[in-house]
Amino acid sequence: MKQREVTTPDNTQWTCVQAYSAQDGDAADKAATLSQTEDGGVPVVCTPSGGAQTIRLELELDWLENLSDEELTQAIQAAQ
């Protein structure tokens, strides 16, 4: 499972994973395709260290490779 970790200015470490990314093979491909929005976004779940609440984001399909840590941090802060 691919994931990203970022730390927000309040020193909370967030681990973000794309929904359904833990599945393998054809089932994962089908689930990822079905979960895409009309705009081509995908659901991403970010889980914090400590007592903050888990959040769900909608990010671009290529968020793992092309979204900077700063942009991911900003998306997390905006969703809180």
C-alpha atoms as a PDB file:
ATOM      1  CA  MET A   1       0.000   0.000   0.000  1.00  0.00           C
ATOM      2  CA  LYS A   2       1.429   3.361  -1.030  1.00  0.00           C
ATOM      3  CA  GLN A   3       1.107   6.174   1.458  1.00  0.00           C
ATOM      4  CA  ARG A   4       2.410   9.662   2.161  1.00  0.00           C
ATOM      5  CA  GLU A   5       3.307  11.204   5.480  1.00  0.00           C
ATOM      6  CA  VAL A   6       3.328  14.931   6.153  1.00  0.00           C
ATOM      7  CA  THR A   7       3.502  17.099   9.260  1.00  0.00           C
ATOM      8  CA  THR A   8       1.258  20.121   9.696  1.00  0.00           C
ATOM      9  CA  PRO A   9       2.476  23.316  11.438  1.00  0.00           C
ATOM     10  CA  ASP A  10       0.896  22.141  14.711  1.00  0.00           C
ATOM     11  CA  ASN A  11       3.346  19.175  14.615  1.00  0.00           C
ATOM     12  CA  THR A  12       0.647  16.609  13.880  1.00  0.00           C
ATOM     13  CA  GLN A  13       1.951  13.865  11.621  1.00  0.00           C
ATOM     14  CA  TRP A  14      -0.572  12.687   9.034  1.00  0.00           C
ATOM     15  CA  THR A  15      -0.495   9.426   7.083  1.00  0.00           C
ATOM     16  CA  CYS A  16      -2.507   9.607   3.863  1.00  0.00           C
ATOM     17  CA  VAL A  17      -3.585   6.662   1.705  1.00  0.00           C
ATOM     18  CA  GLN A  18      -5.872   6.400  -1.282  1.00  0.00           C
ATOM     19  CA  ALA A  19      -9.101   4.576  -0.487  1.00  0.00           C
ATOM     20  CA  TYR A  20      -9.062   0.950  -1.722  1.00  0.00           C
ATOM     21  CA  SER A  21      -5.289   1.006  -2.272  1.00  0.00           C
ATOM     22  CA  ALA A  22      -4.770  -1.938   0.082  1.00  0.00           C
ATOM     23  CA  GLN A  23      -6.448  -4.315  -2.334  1.00  0.00           C
ATOM     24  CA  ASP A  24      -4.498  -6.160  -5.005  1.00  0.00           C
ATOM     25  CA  GLY A  25      -4.911  -6.919  -8.674  1.00  0.00           C
ATOM     26  CA  ASP A  26      -8.097  -6.565 -10.682  1.00  0.00           C
ATOM     27  CA  ALA A  27     -10.227  -5.869  -7.599  1.00  0.00           C
ATOM     28  CA  ALA A  28      -8.058  -2.869  -6.690  1.00  0.00           C
ATOM     29  CA  ASP A  29      -8.162  -1.506 -10.236  1.00  0.00           C
ATOM     30  CA  LYS A  30     -11.943  -1.845 -10.383  1.00  0.00           C
ATOM     31  CA  ALA A  31     -12.417  -0.262  -6.946  1.00  0.00           C
ATOM     32  CA  ALA A  32     -10.118   2.640  -7.835  1.00  0.00           C
ATOM     33  CA  THR A  33     -11.966   3.226 -11.099  1.00  0.00           C
ATOM     34  CA  LEU A  34     -15.369   3.128  -9.400  1.00  0.00           C
ATOM     35  CA  SER A  35     -14.230   5.529  -6.673  1.00  0.00           C
ATOM     36  CA  GLN A  36     -13.066   8.233  -9.100  1.00  0.00           C
ATOM     37  CA  THR A  37     -15.245  11.312  -9.251  1.00  0.00           C
ATOM     38  CA  GLU A  38     -16.527  12.860 -12.461  1.00  0.00           C
ATOM     39  CA  ASP A  39     -13.644  15.344 -12.243  1.00  0.00           C
ATOM     40  CA  GLY A  40     -11.074  12.529 -12.051  1.00  0.00           C
ATOM     41  CA  GLY A  41     -10.415  12.934  -8.335  1.00  0.00           C
ATOM     42  CA  VAL A  42      -9.917  10.066  -5.916  1.00  0.00           C
ATOM     43  CA  PRO A  43     -10.784   9.702  -2.211  1.00  0.00           C
ATOM     44  CA  VAL A  44      -7.800   9.907   0.125  1.00  0.00           C
ATOM     45  CA  VAL A  45      -8.002   9.185   3.851  1.00  0.00           C
ATOM     46  CA  CYS A  46      -5.559  10.976   6.152  1.00  0.00           C
ATOM     47  CA  THR A  47      -5.069   9.676   9.685  1.00  0.00           C
ATOM     48  CA  PRO A  48      -3.327  11.843  12.287  1.00  0.00           C
ATOM     49  CA  SER A  49      -1.006  11.040  15.117  1.00  0.00           C
ATOM     50  CA  GLY A  50      -2.397  12.057  18.472  1.00  0.00           C
ATOM     51  CA  GLY A  51      -5.976  13.084  19.096  1.00  0.00           C
ATOM     52  CA  ALA A  52      -6.965  14.826  15.873  1.00  0.00           C
ATOM     53  CA  GLN A  53      -9.777  13.409  13.737  1.00  0.00           C
ATOM     54  CA  THR A  54      -9.250  11.390  10.548  1.00  0.00           C
ATOM     55  CA  ILE A  55     -10.220  13.321   7.441  1.00  0.00           C
ATOM     56  CA  ARG A  56     -11.194  12.393   3.913  1.00  0.00           C
ATOM     57  CA  LEU A  57      -9.941  14.403   0.954  1.00  0.00           C
ATOM     58  CA  GLU A  58     -10.651  14.349  -2.748  1.00  0.00           C
ATOM     59  CA  LEU A  59      -7.369  14.727  -4.617  1.00  0.00           C
ATOM     60  CA  GLU A  60      -6.131  14.355  -8.176  1.00  0.00           C
ATOM     61  CA  LEU A  61      -5.445  10.810  -9.367  1.00  0.00           C
ATOM     62  CA  ASP A  62      -1.680  11.475  -9.425  1.00  0.00           C
ATOM     63  CA  TRP A  63      -1.546  12.940  -5.900  1.00  0.00           C
ATOM     64  CA  LEU A  64       1.094  10.454  -4.725  1.00  0.00           C
ATOM     65  CA  GLU A  65       3.623  11.537  -7.324  1.00  0.00           C
ATOM     66  CA  ASN A  66       2.728  15.132  -8.174  1.00  0.00           C
ATOM     67  CA  LEU A  67       1.193  16.789  -5.096  1.00  0.00           C
ATOM     68  CA  SER A  68       3.834  18.553  -3.012  1.00  0.00           C
ATOM     69  CA  ASP A  69       4.009  18.067   0.751  1.00  0.00           C
ATOM     70  CA  GLU A  70       3.004  21.710   1.163  1.00  0.00           C
ATOM     71  CA  GLU A  71      -0.069  21.257  -1.040  1.00  0.00           C
ATOM     72  CA  LEU A  72      -1.061  18.090   0.834  1.00  0.00           C
ATOM     73  CA  THR A  73      -0.621  19.871   4.168  1.00  0.00           C
ATOM     74  CA  GLN A  74      -2.769  22.761   2.940  1.00  0.00           C
ATOM     75  CA  ALA A  75      -5.508  20.342   1.824  1.00  0.00           C
ATOM     76  CA  ILE A  76      -5.479  18.686   5.254  1.00  0.00           C
ATOM     77  CA  GLN A  77      -5.673  22.025   7.069  1.00  0.00           C
ATOM     78  CA  ALA A  78      -8.514  23.205   4.830  1.00  0.00           C
ATOM     79  CA  ALA A  79     -10.501  20.032   5.601  1.00  0.00           C
ATOM     80  CA  GLN A  80     -10.175  20.339   9.369  1.00  0.00           C
END
